[in-house]
Amino acid sequence: MCHLLLALPILALPVFWLLPLAVALPVYGAVAGLSAVVYWYAMRAMKQPIQNGVESMAGEIGEVVGCGDDGLLVNVHNEIWRAVCAGSPLHNGDRVEIVGNDRLLLRVRQLDIEARYFRTR
């Protein structure tokens, strides 16, 4: 459906064959104006940062809620995610920052005490 909206100026060209020029020009002008508005909103939407999903969580702060042999369980935005930490071993209650992801497995690093209290977000 959205592809039809993007191709609207091309699809409206037959109006010049079907209607007199005095009628076809205003009709095609309205179609071109509508297309320009749709293009503007589409370009604006494409420039927005990712707002959902695991890709948007880079830099967010979470809390370790479980430790095990297979990895960590981290609470981020009231969701429990599996995570791994390459640094020092973590314990329940430790604050972590998400530095990346590998599919649905978060890569985290432990926050030091200064970053925990002086984070500006």
N, C-alpha and C. Protein backbone atom coordinates (compact mmCIF):
# COMPACT_ATOMS: atom_id res chain seq x y z
N MET A 1 0.82 -1.20 0.00
CA MET A 1 0.00 0.00 0.00
C MET A 1 0.86 1.26 0.00
N CYS A 2 1.94 1.27 0.81
CA CYS A 2 2.75 2.48 0.87
C CYS A 2 3.50 2.70 -0.44
N HIS A 3 3.80 1.63 -1.16
CA HIS A 3 4.48 1.80 -2.44
C HIS A 3 3.58 2.52 -3.44
N LEU A 4 2.28 2.28 -3.34
CA LEU A 4 1.36 2.99 -4.22
C LEU A 4 1.34 4.48 -3.91
N LEU A 5 1.45 4.83 -2.64
CA LEU A 5 1.49 6.25 -2.28
C LEU A 5 2.75 6.92 -2.81
N LEU A 6 3.88 6.18 -2.79
CA LEU A 6 5.12 6.76 -3.28
C LEU A 6 5.12 6.89 -4.80
N ALA A 7 4.37 6.04 -5.48
CA ALA A 7 4.30 6.08 -6.94
C ALA A 7 3.11 6.90 -7.44
N LEU A 8 2.45 7.60 -6.56
CA LEU A 8 1.25 8.36 -6.92
C LEU A 8 1.45 9.36 -8.05
N PRO A 9 2.55 10.11 -8.10
CA PRO A 9 2.71 11.04 -9.24
C PRO A 9 2.78 10.31 -10.59
N ILE A 10 3.39 9.15 -10.62
CA ILE A 10 3.46 8.39 -11.87
C ILE A 10 2.09 7.80 -12.21
N LEU A 11 1.40 7.32 -11.20
CA LEU A 11 0.08 6.73 -11.44
C LEU A 11 -0.95 7.78 -11.86
N ALA A 12 -0.69 9.04 -11.54
CA ALA A 12 -1.64 10.11 -11.88
C ALA A 12 -1.39 10.72 -13.26
N LEU A 13 -0.35 10.31 -13.93
CA LEU A 13 -0.06 10.86 -15.26
C LEU A 13 -1.17 10.63 -16.29
N PRO A 14 -1.88 9.51 -16.28
CA PRO A 14 -2.96 9.34 -17.27
C PRO A 14 -4.08 10.38 -17.17
N VAL A 15 -4.10 11.16 -16.10
CA VAL A 15 -5.12 12.20 -15.99
C VAL A 15 -4.99 13.21 -17.14
N PHE A 16 -3.77 13.37 -17.68
CA PHE A 16 -3.57 14.28 -18.81
C PHE A 16 -4.17 13.74 -20.10
N TRP A 17 -4.31 12.43 -20.22
CA TRP A 17 -4.92 11.83 -21.41
C TRP A 17 -6.44 11.77 -21.30
N LEU A 18 -6.93 11.72 -20.06
CA LEU A 18 -8.37 11.53 -19.85
C LEU A 18 -9.14 12.83 -19.70
N LEU A 19 -8.49 13.88 -19.21
CA LEU A 19 -9.18 15.14 -18.94
C LEU A 19 -8.57 16.27 -19.76
N PRO A 20 -9.32 17.34 -19.95
CA PRO A 20 -8.74 18.51 -20.63
C PRO A 20 -7.62 19.11 -19.78
N LEU A 21 -6.70 19.79 -20.43
CA LEU A 21 -5.53 20.33 -19.74
C LEU A 21 -5.90 21.29 -18.60
N ALA A 22 -6.96 22.07 -18.78
CA ALA A 22 -7.37 23.02 -17.74
C ALA A 22 -7.84 22.31 -16.47
N VAL A 23 -8.33 21.09 -16.58
CA VAL A 23 -8.77 20.31 -15.42
C VAL A 23 -7.64 19.41 -14.92
N ALA A 24 -6.85 18.89 -15.86
CA ALA A 24 -5.80 17.93 -15.49
C ALA A 24 -4.69 18.58 -14.67
N LEU A 25 -4.32 19.81 -14.98
CA LEU A 25 -3.23 20.47 -14.25
C LEU A 25 -3.55 20.66 -12.77
N PRO A 26 -4.73 21.19 -12.39
CA PRO A 26 -5.01 21.31 -10.95
C PRO A 26 -5.11 19.95 -10.24
N VAL A 27 -5.67 18.96 -10.93
CA VAL A 27 -5.77 17.63 -10.33
C VAL A 27 -4.38 17.05 -10.09
N TYR A 28 -3.54 17.16 -11.12
CA TYR A 28 -2.18 16.62 -10.97
C TYR A 28 -1.39 17.44 -9.94
N GLY A 29 -1.63 18.75 -9.87
CA GLY A 29 -0.97 19.57 -8.85
C GLY A 29 -1.34 19.15 -7.44
N ALA A 30 -2.61 18.80 -7.24
CA ALA A 30 -3.05 18.33 -5.92
C ALA A 30 -2.38 16.99 -5.59
N VAL A 31 -2.29 16.11 -6.58
CA VAL A 31 -1.63 14.82 -6.37
C VAL A 31 -0.15 15.02 -6.06
N ALA A 32 0.50 15.91 -6.79
CA ALA A 32 1.92 16.20 -6.54
C ALA A 32 2.12 16.81 -5.15
N GLY A 33 1.23 17.69 -4.74
CA GLY A 33 1.32 18.28 -3.39
C GLY A 33 1.13 17.24 -2.30
N LEU A 34 0.14 16.37 -2.49
CA LEU A 34 -0.07 15.28 -1.53
C LEU A 34 1.15 14.37 -1.47
N SER A 35 1.74 14.07 -2.61
CA SER A 35 2.93 13.23 -2.66
C SER A 35 4.10 13.90 -1.94
N ALA A 36 4.26 15.20 -2.11
CA ALA A 36 5.34 15.91 -1.44
C ALA A 36 5.18 15.83 0.08
N VAL A 37 3.96 15.94 0.57
CA VAL A 37 3.71 15.83 2.01
C VAL A 37 4.04 14.42 2.50
N VAL A 38 3.62 13.40 1.75
CA VAL A 38 3.91 12.02 2.13
C VAL A 38 5.41 11.77 2.12
N TYR A 39 6.13 12.27 1.11
CA TYR A 39 7.59 12.11 1.04
C TYR A 39 8.25 12.79 2.22
N TRP A 40 7.79 13.98 2.58
CA TRP A 40 8.38 14.72 3.70
C TRP A 40 8.23 13.94 5.00
N TYR A 41 7.03 13.41 5.27
CA TYR A 41 6.82 12.63 6.49
C TYR A 41 7.63 11.34 6.46
N ALA A 42 7.76 10.72 5.30
CA ALA A 42 8.54 9.48 5.20
C ALA A 42 10.01 9.75 5.49
N MET A 43 10.55 10.82 4.95
CA MET A 43 11.96 11.14 5.18
C MET A 43 12.20 11.52 6.65
N ARG A 44 11.26 12.22 7.24
CA ARG A 44 11.39 12.57 8.65
C ARG A 44 11.36 11.33 9.54
N ALA A 45 10.51 10.37 9.18
CA ALA A 45 10.42 9.14 9.96
C ALA A 45 11.68 8.29 9.83
N MET A 46 12.32 8.33 8.66
CA MET A 46 13.53 7.54 8.46
C MET A 46 14.72 8.09 9.22
N LYS A 47 14.70 9.37 9.57
CA LYS A 47 15.82 9.99 10.28
C LYS A 47 15.73 9.83 11.79
N GLN A 48 14.62 9.33 12.30
CA GLN A 48 14.46 9.18 13.74
C GLN A 48 15.30 8.01 14.24
N PRO A 49 15.82 8.11 15.45
CA PRO A 49 16.58 6.98 16.00
C PRO A 49 15.66 5.81 16.31
N ILE A 50 16.26 4.65 16.43
CA ILE A 50 15.50 3.44 16.76
C ILE A 50 14.91 3.62 18.15
N GLN A 51 13.63 3.33 18.31
CA GLN A 51 12.96 3.58 19.58
C GLN A 51 12.50 2.32 20.28
N ASN A 52 12.59 1.17 19.62
CA ASN A 52 12.15 -0.05 20.28
C ASN A 52 13.04 -1.20 19.84
N GLY A 53 12.94 -2.29 20.55
CA GLY A 53 13.75 -3.46 20.22
C GLY A 53 15.08 -3.44 20.94
N VAL A 54 15.80 -4.50 20.74
CA VAL A 54 17.07 -4.66 21.43
C VAL A 54 18.12 -3.66 20.92
N GLU A 55 17.98 -3.19 19.69
CA GLU A 55 18.94 -2.24 19.14
C GLU A 55 18.90 -0.89 19.84
N SER A 56 17.77 -0.54 20.41
CA SER A 56 17.64 0.77 21.05
C SER A 56 18.16 0.79 22.48
N MET A 57 18.59 -0.34 22.99
CA MET A 57 18.96 -0.41 24.40
C MET A 57 20.43 -0.10 24.67
N ALA A 58 21.23 0.17 23.66
CA ALA A 58 22.64 0.48 23.88
C ALA A 58 22.76 1.74 24.73
N GLY A 59 23.55 1.66 25.79
CA GLY A 59 23.74 2.78 26.69
C GLY A 59 22.77 2.82 27.85
N GLU A 60 21.76 1.96 27.86
CA GLU A 60 20.79 1.95 28.96
C GLU A 60 21.40 1.28 30.19
N ILE A 61 20.82 1.57 31.35
CA ILE A 61 21.27 1.03 32.63
C ILE A 61 20.32 -0.08 33.05
N GLY A 62 20.88 -1.18 33.55
CA GLY A 62 20.08 -2.29 34.05
C GLY A 62 20.62 -2.79 35.37
N GLU A 63 19.93 -3.77 35.91
CA GLU A 63 20.33 -4.35 37.19
C GLU A 63 20.36 -5.87 37.07
N VAL A 64 21.41 -6.47 37.59
CA VAL A 64 21.54 -7.93 37.56
C VAL A 64 20.54 -8.51 38.56
N VAL A 65 19.70 -9.43 38.08
CA VAL A 65 18.72 -10.07 38.96
C VAL A 65 18.97 -11.56 39.10
N GLY A 66 19.92 -12.11 38.34
CA GLY A 66 20.23 -13.52 38.45
C GLY A 66 21.57 -13.83 37.85
N CYS A 67 22.30 -14.74 38.50
CA CYS A 67 23.61 -15.16 38.01
C CYS A 67 23.60 -16.68 37.89
N GLY A 68 24.23 -17.18 36.86
CA GLY A 68 24.30 -18.62 36.68
C GLY A 68 25.46 -18.98 35.78
N ASP A 69 25.59 -20.29 35.54
CA ASP A 69 26.68 -20.76 34.68
C ASP A 69 26.46 -20.35 33.23
N ASP A 70 25.21 -20.24 32.81
CA ASP A 70 24.92 -19.92 31.42
C ASP A 70 24.88 -18.42 31.15
N GLY A 71 25.11 -17.59 32.14
CA GLY A 71 25.12 -16.14 31.94
C GLY A 71 24.36 -15.42 33.03
N LEU A 72 24.01 -14.20 32.73
CA LEU A 72 23.33 -13.33 33.68
C LEU A 72 21.89 -13.10 33.24
N LEU A 73 21.07 -12.71 34.19
CA LEU A 73 19.74 -12.20 33.91
C LEU A 73 19.74 -10.74 34.35
N VAL A 74 19.38 -9.86 33.44
CA VAL A 74 19.45 -8.42 33.68
C VAL A 74 18.06 -7.83 33.50
N ASN A 75 17.67 -6.98 34.45
CA ASN A 75 16.39 -6.27 34.37
C ASN A 75 16.64 -4.90 33.74
N VAL A 76 16.06 -4.68 32.54
CA VAL A 76 16.17 -3.40 31.84
C VAL A 76 14.77 -3.01 31.40
N HIS A 77 14.31 -1.84 31.81
CA HIS A 77 12.96 -1.35 31.47
C HIS A 77 11.90 -2.37 31.88
N ASN A 78 12.04 -2.94 33.05
CA ASN A 78 11.11 -3.93 33.59
C ASN A 78 10.98 -5.16 32.71
N GLU A 79 12.01 -5.49 31.98
CA GLU A 79 12.08 -6.71 31.19
C GLU A 79 13.33 -7.47 31.60
N ILE A 80 13.24 -8.79 31.62
CA ILE A 80 14.37 -9.63 31.98
C ILE A 80 15.04 -10.10 30.68
N TRP A 81 16.35 -9.83 30.57
CA TRP A 81 17.13 -10.19 29.39
C TRP A 81 18.31 -11.06 29.81
N ARG A 82 18.70 -11.99 28.94
CA ARG A 82 19.93 -12.74 29.15
C ARG A 82 21.09 -11.86 28.75
N ALA A 83 22.19 -11.96 29.48
CA ALA A 83 23.33 -11.08 29.22
C ALA A 83 24.63 -11.80 29.54
N VAL A 84 25.71 -11.26 28.99
CA VAL A 84 27.06 -11.73 29.30
C VAL A 84 27.91 -10.50 29.60
N CYS A 85 28.90 -10.70 30.46
CA CYS A 85 29.81 -9.63 30.84
C CYS A 85 31.23 -10.17 30.68
N ALA A 86 32.05 -9.46 29.91
CA ALA A 86 33.42 -9.90 29.68
C ALA A 86 34.36 -9.48 30.81
N GLY A 87 33.93 -8.57 31.63
CA GLY A 87 34.78 -8.04 32.69
C GLY A 87 34.73 -8.89 33.95
N SER A 88 34.73 -8.21 35.07
CA SER A 88 34.74 -8.88 36.38
C SER A 88 33.41 -9.59 36.61
N PRO A 89 33.41 -10.60 37.48
CA PRO A 89 32.16 -11.31 37.76
C PRO A 89 31.14 -10.39 38.44
N LEU A 90 29.89 -10.55 38.09
CA LEU A 90 28.83 -9.71 38.62
C LEU A 90 27.98 -10.51 39.60
N HIS A 91 27.30 -9.80 40.47
CA HIS A 91 26.44 -10.41 41.48
C HIS A 91 25.07 -9.76 41.42
N ASN A 92 24.09 -10.38 42.07
CA ASN A 92 22.74 -9.81 42.10
C ASN A 92 22.77 -8.40 42.68
N GLY A 93 22.05 -7.50 42.04
CA GLY A 93 21.96 -6.12 42.49
C GLY A 93 22.98 -5.20 41.86
N ASP A 94 23.97 -5.72 41.17
CA ASP A 94 24.96 -4.87 40.51
C ASP A 94 24.30 -4.11 39.36
N ARG A 95 24.73 -2.88 39.17
CA ARG A 95 24.22 -2.06 38.07
C ARG A 95 25.14 -2.26 36.87
N VAL A 96 24.53 -2.40 35.71
CA VAL A 96 25.30 -2.63 34.48
C VAL A 96 24.82 -1.68 33.39
N GLU A 97 25.70 -1.42 32.44
CA GLU A 97 25.36 -0.64 31.26
C GLU A 97 25.41 -1.56 30.05
N ILE A 98 24.44 -1.44 29.19
CA ILE A 98 24.39 -2.27 28.00
C ILE A 98 25.30 -1.64 26.95
N VAL A 99 26.25 -2.43 26.45
CA VAL A 99 27.20 -1.92 25.47
C VAL A 99 26.94 -2.48 24.08
N GLY A 100 26.11 -3.49 23.97
CA GLY A 100 25.81 -4.06 22.66
C GLY A 100 24.91 -5.27 22.80
N ASN A 101 24.74 -5.96 21.69
CA ASN A 101 23.91 -7.15 21.71
C ASN A 101 24.39 -8.14 20.66
N ASP A 102 24.06 -9.38 20.87
CA ASP A 102 24.31 -10.43 19.90
C ASP A 102 23.00 -11.20 19.79
N ARG A 103 22.21 -10.82 18.78
CA ARG A 103 20.84 -11.30 18.60
C ARG A 103 20.03 -10.89 19.82
N LEU A 104 19.63 -11.81 20.69
CA LEU A 104 18.85 -11.43 21.88
C LEU A 104 19.66 -11.58 23.16
N LEU A 105 20.97 -11.64 23.05
CA LEU A 105 21.85 -11.73 24.21
C LEU A 105 22.55 -10.39 24.36
N LEU A 106 22.35 -9.74 25.51
CA LEU A 106 22.94 -8.42 25.74
C LEU A 106 24.39 -8.56 26.19
N ARG A 107 25.24 -7.65 25.74
CA ARG A 107 26.60 -7.54 26.25
C ARG A 107 26.60 -6.35 27.19
N VAL A 108 27.06 -6.57 28.41
CA VAL A 108 27.01 -5.53 29.44
C VAL A 108 28.38 -5.33 30.04
N ARG A 109 28.53 -4.19 30.72
CA ARG A 109 29.73 -3.93 31.52
C ARG A 109 29.26 -3.37 32.85
N GLN A 110 30.03 -3.65 33.88
CA GLN A 110 29.67 -3.19 35.21
C GLN A 110 29.91 -1.69 35.31
N LEU A 111 28.97 -1.01 35.95
CA LEU A 111 29.12 0.43 36.19
C LEU A 111 29.96 0.64 37.43
N ASP A 112 30.89 1.58 37.36
CA ASP A 112 31.59 1.95 38.56
C ASP A 112 30.72 2.89 39.38
N ILE A 113 31.10 3.16 40.59
CA ILE A 113 30.23 3.93 41.49
C ILE A 113 30.03 5.35 40.99
N GLU A 114 31.02 5.97 40.33
CA GLU A 114 30.86 7.33 39.85
C GLU A 114 29.82 7.38 38.73
N ALA A 115 29.87 6.44 37.83
CA ALA A 115 28.93 6.44 36.71
C ALA A 115 27.51 6.15 37.21
N ARG A 116 27.42 5.38 38.28
CA ARG A 116 26.10 5.04 38.81
C ARG A 116 25.39 6.28 39.36
N TYR A 117 26.15 7.18 40.00
CA TYR A 117 25.53 8.32 40.65
C TYR A 117 25.57 9.61 39.83
N PHE A 118 26.47 9.70 38.89
CA PHE A 118 26.61 10.94 38.14
C PHE A 118 26.24 10.78 36.68
N ARG A 119 25.43 9.83 36.37
CA ARG A 119 25.00 9.59 34.99
C ARG A 119 24.06 10.70 34.57
N THR A 120 24.31 11.31 33.41
CA THR A 120 23.43 12.38 32.91
C THR A 120 22.69 11.85 31.71
N ARG A 121 21.47 11.46 31.86
CA ARG A 121 20.63 10.95 30.78
C ARG A 121 19.34 11.65 30.81
